[in-house]
């Protein structure tokens, strides 16, 4: 898929394979506001909770670039989703399992978001069975004009998991 704007062209690299990273690079985000310095920018990741009337719930991560000067616009950071741009990353929990898990990490190469999602069966069967997990990595582009997380690649879990978050901890972040 090709996403275009007047200022940049982004091609998600879903075919590229990513490798696990050191566990110490994972950012342990607290609920609410988290400010991360990367290059000449401060990235504000707001972690919030969405409750529903069902057994499902979501943590939503909305990302902004803070302005260089007070009283100027914040820039919303989008991400290159499979079906176009999206405005945030989100976890998805059911009463039975964690279907989608999101976390962030930082290395000398920059700031990254990682999304793990259970594959295979449709809901609700997917909630109650161990499945393989697709792990996608997005790198922050550090662009003041069009800030976004671009897809850099993906990997598939070797094992099957009830919770997508377990695949991140057991196969993506290595100790």
Protein backbone atom coordinates (compact mmCIF):
# COMPACT_ATOMS: atom_id res chain seq x y z
CA UNK A 1 0.00 0.00 0.00
CA UNK A 2 1.25 3.47 -0.82
CA UNK A 3 0.27 6.41 1.35
CA UNK A 4 0.96 9.83 -0.14
CA UNK A 5 0.91 13.40 1.03
CA UNK A 6 2.16 16.60 -0.47
CA UNK A 7 5.33 16.32 1.60
CA UNK A 8 6.26 12.66 1.76
CA UNK A 9 5.67 9.19 0.43
CA UNK A 10 5.49 6.29 2.84
CA UNK A 11 5.56 2.61 1.96
CA UNK A 12 4.84 0.19 4.82
CA UNK A 13 7.49 -2.53 4.76
CA UNK A 14 5.32 -5.38 5.99
CA UNK A 15 7.30 -7.90 3.97
CA UNK A 16 10.53 -7.02 5.82
CA UNK A 17 11.39 -9.26 8.75
CA UNK A 18 12.24 -7.61 12.06
CA UNK A 19 14.49 -9.03 14.72
CA UNK A 20 13.96 -9.10 18.47
CA UNK A 21 15.40 -6.23 20.51
CA UNK A 22 16.88 -5.95 24.00
CA UNK A 23 14.27 -5.94 26.78
CA UNK A 24 15.97 -2.93 28.40
CA UNK A 25 14.92 -0.74 25.44
CA UNK A 26 11.20 -1.12 26.21
CA UNK A 27 9.61 2.05 27.57
CA UNK A 28 7.46 1.38 30.63
CA UNK A 29 4.69 3.91 30.04
CA UNK A 30 2.50 5.02 32.91
CA UNK A 31 -1.19 5.86 32.59
CA UNK A 32 -1.61 9.44 31.44
CA UNK A 33 1.17 11.62 30.03
CA UNK A 34 4.61 10.27 29.06
CA UNK A 35 7.21 12.61 27.53
CA UNK A 36 10.00 10.99 25.49
CA UNK A 37 12.95 13.01 24.13
CA UNK A 38 14.05 11.86 20.69
CA UNK A 39 16.41 13.95 18.56
CA UNK A 40 15.30 17.60 18.68
CA UNK A 41 11.72 16.66 19.60
CA UNK A 42 9.70 15.80 22.65
CA UNK A 43 7.15 13.12 21.85
CA UNK A 44 4.17 13.06 24.22
CA UNK A 45 2.48 9.67 24.44
CA UNK A 46 -0.86 9.85 26.22
CA UNK A 47 -1.97 6.47 27.51
CA UNK A 48 -5.70 6.36 28.20
CA UNK A 49 -8.31 3.72 28.93
CA UNK A 50 -11.54 3.09 27.03
CA UNK A 51 -14.18 1.17 28.91
CA UNK A 52 -17.06 -0.50 27.10
CA UNK A 53 -20.40 -1.99 28.11
CA UNK A 54 -19.05 -5.43 27.16
CA UNK A 55 -16.23 -7.55 28.56
CA UNK A 56 -13.83 -5.78 26.18
CA UNK A 57 -11.65 -2.77 26.92
CA UNK A 58 -8.84 -0.83 25.29
CA UNK A 59 -5.76 1.18 26.19
CA UNK A 60 -5.28 3.89 23.60
CA UNK A 61 -1.91 5.52 22.91
CA UNK A 62 -2.27 8.95 21.28
CA UNK A 63 1.05 10.48 20.26
CA UNK A 64 1.89 14.18 19.82
CA UNK A 65 4.96 16.26 19.05
CA UNK A 66 5.17 19.07 21.58
CA UNK A 67 5.80 22.48 20.03
CA UNK A 68 9.14 24.21 20.42
CA UNK A 69 7.34 27.23 21.93
CA UNK A 70 4.39 27.39 24.31
CA UNK A 71 1.00 28.39 22.93
CA UNK A 72 1.60 26.90 19.48
CA UNK A 73 -0.07 23.86 17.96
CA UNK A 74 0.71 20.35 19.02
CA UNK A 75 1.30 17.97 16.11
CA UNK A 76 -0.62 14.69 16.10
CA UNK A 77 1.55 11.72 15.11
CA UNK A 78 -0.21 9.18 12.88
CA UNK A 79 0.83 5.66 11.95
CA UNK A 80 0.86 3.77 8.68
CA UNK A 81 -1.82 1.15 9.26
CA UNK A 82 -2.51 -1.61 6.75
CA UNK A 83 -5.58 0.18 5.42
CA UNK A 84 -4.37 3.79 5.53
CA UNK A 85 -3.26 6.19 8.22
CA UNK A 86 -4.50 5.75 11.77
CA UNK A 87 -4.50 8.24 14.62
CA UNK A 88 -3.44 6.06 17.52
CA UNK A 89 -2.30 2.64 18.64
CA UNK A 90 -4.51 0.59 20.94
CA UNK A 91 -4.50 -2.55 23.03
CA UNK A 92 -7.58 -4.73 22.84
CA UNK A 93 -8.68 -6.90 25.75
CA UNK A 94 -11.60 -9.27 25.96
CA UNK A 95 -12.85 -11.06 29.03
CA UNK A 96 -10.81 -14.06 27.86
CA UNK A 97 -7.54 -12.72 26.42
CA UNK A 98 -5.41 -9.84 25.24
CA UNK A 99 -6.05 -9.79 21.46
CA UNK A 100 -3.78 -6.86 20.58
CA UNK A 101 -0.92 -5.42 22.61
CA UNK A 102 1.09 -2.25 22.01
CA UNK A 103 4.31 -1.04 23.54
CA UNK A 104 7.09 1.37 22.66
CA UNK A 105 10.87 1.14 22.75
CA UNK A 106 13.80 3.45 22.10
CA UNK A 107 17.27 2.68 20.74
CA UNK A 108 20.08 4.72 19.21
CA UNK A 109 18.15 4.34 15.93
CA UNK A 110 15.11 6.15 17.29
CA UNK A 111 11.66 5.67 18.81
CA UNK A 112 9.54 2.66 17.84
CA UNK A 113 6.02 1.35 18.45
CA UNK A 114 5.37 -2.39 18.43
CA UNK A 115 1.96 -3.98 17.93
CA UNK A 116 1.29 -7.66 18.54
CA UNK A 117 -2.01 -9.10 17.33
CA UNK A 118 -3.47 -12.59 17.53
CA UNK A 119 -4.02 -14.20 14.13
CA UNK A 120 -6.44 -16.69 12.74
CA UNK A 121 -9.82 -17.33 14.23
CA UNK A 122 -12.48 -14.64 14.29
CA UNK A 123 -14.04 -13.37 17.48
CA UNK A 124 -15.12 -14.78 19.89
CA UNK A 125 -13.22 -17.99 19.07
CA UNK A 126 -9.97 -16.02 18.79
CA UNK A 127 -10.36 -14.83 22.37
CA UNK A 128 -10.47 -18.30 23.90
CA UNK A 129 -7.71 -20.14 22.02
CA UNK A 130 -3.97 -19.90 21.70
CA UNK A 131 -3.02 -18.57 18.25
CA UNK A 132 0.08 -17.37 16.47
CA UNK A 133 0.79 -13.67 16.91
CA UNK A 134 1.85 -11.16 14.26
CA UNK A 135 4.26 -8.55 15.60
CA UNK A 136 4.57 -5.31 13.63
CA UNK A 137 7.19 -2.62 14.21
CA UNK A 138 6.73 1.08 13.41
CA UNK A 139 9.55 3.65 13.52
CA UNK A 140 8.96 7.31 14.31
CA UNK A 141 10.16 9.45 11.37
CA UNK A 142 11.16 12.57 13.39
CA UNK A 143 9.61 14.80 10.72
CA UNK A 144 8.28 18.19 11.89
CA UNK A 145 6.05 18.56 8.80
CA UNK A 146 4.36 15.14 8.74
CA UNK A 147 5.23 13.25 11.95
CA UNK A 148 4.29 9.59 11.81
CA UNK A 149 5.24 6.05 12.71
CA UNK A 150 6.10 4.15 9.52
CA UNK A 151 5.90 0.38 9.30
CA UNK A 152 9.40 -1.13 9.19
CA UNK A 153 8.58 -4.83 9.23
CA UNK A 154 6.96 -7.71 11.01
CA UNK A 155 7.56 -11.13 12.46
CA UNK A 156 5.32 -14.05 13.37
CA UNK A 157 5.56 -15.74 16.74
CA UNK A 158 7.12 -19.19 16.83
CA UNK A 159 4.75 -20.33 19.59
CA UNK A 160 1.00 -19.90 20.05
CA UNK A 161 -0.26 -17.59 22.79
CA UNK A 162 -3.49 -16.89 24.62
CA UNK A 163 -2.41 -13.27 25.12
CA UNK A 164 -0.72 -11.23 22.38
CA UNK A 165 1.28 -9.40 25.06
CA UNK A 166 3.01 -12.68 25.99
CA UNK A 167 4.47 -12.92 22.47
CA UNK A 168 6.09 -9.51 22.93
CA UNK A 169 7.67 -10.46 26.23
CA UNK A 170 8.74 -13.96 25.23
CA UNK A 171 9.78 -13.52 21.59
CA UNK A 172 10.32 -9.84 20.76
CA UNK A 173 12.02 -8.36 23.82
CA UNK A 174 15.04 -10.52 24.61
CA UNK A 175 16.81 -10.46 27.94
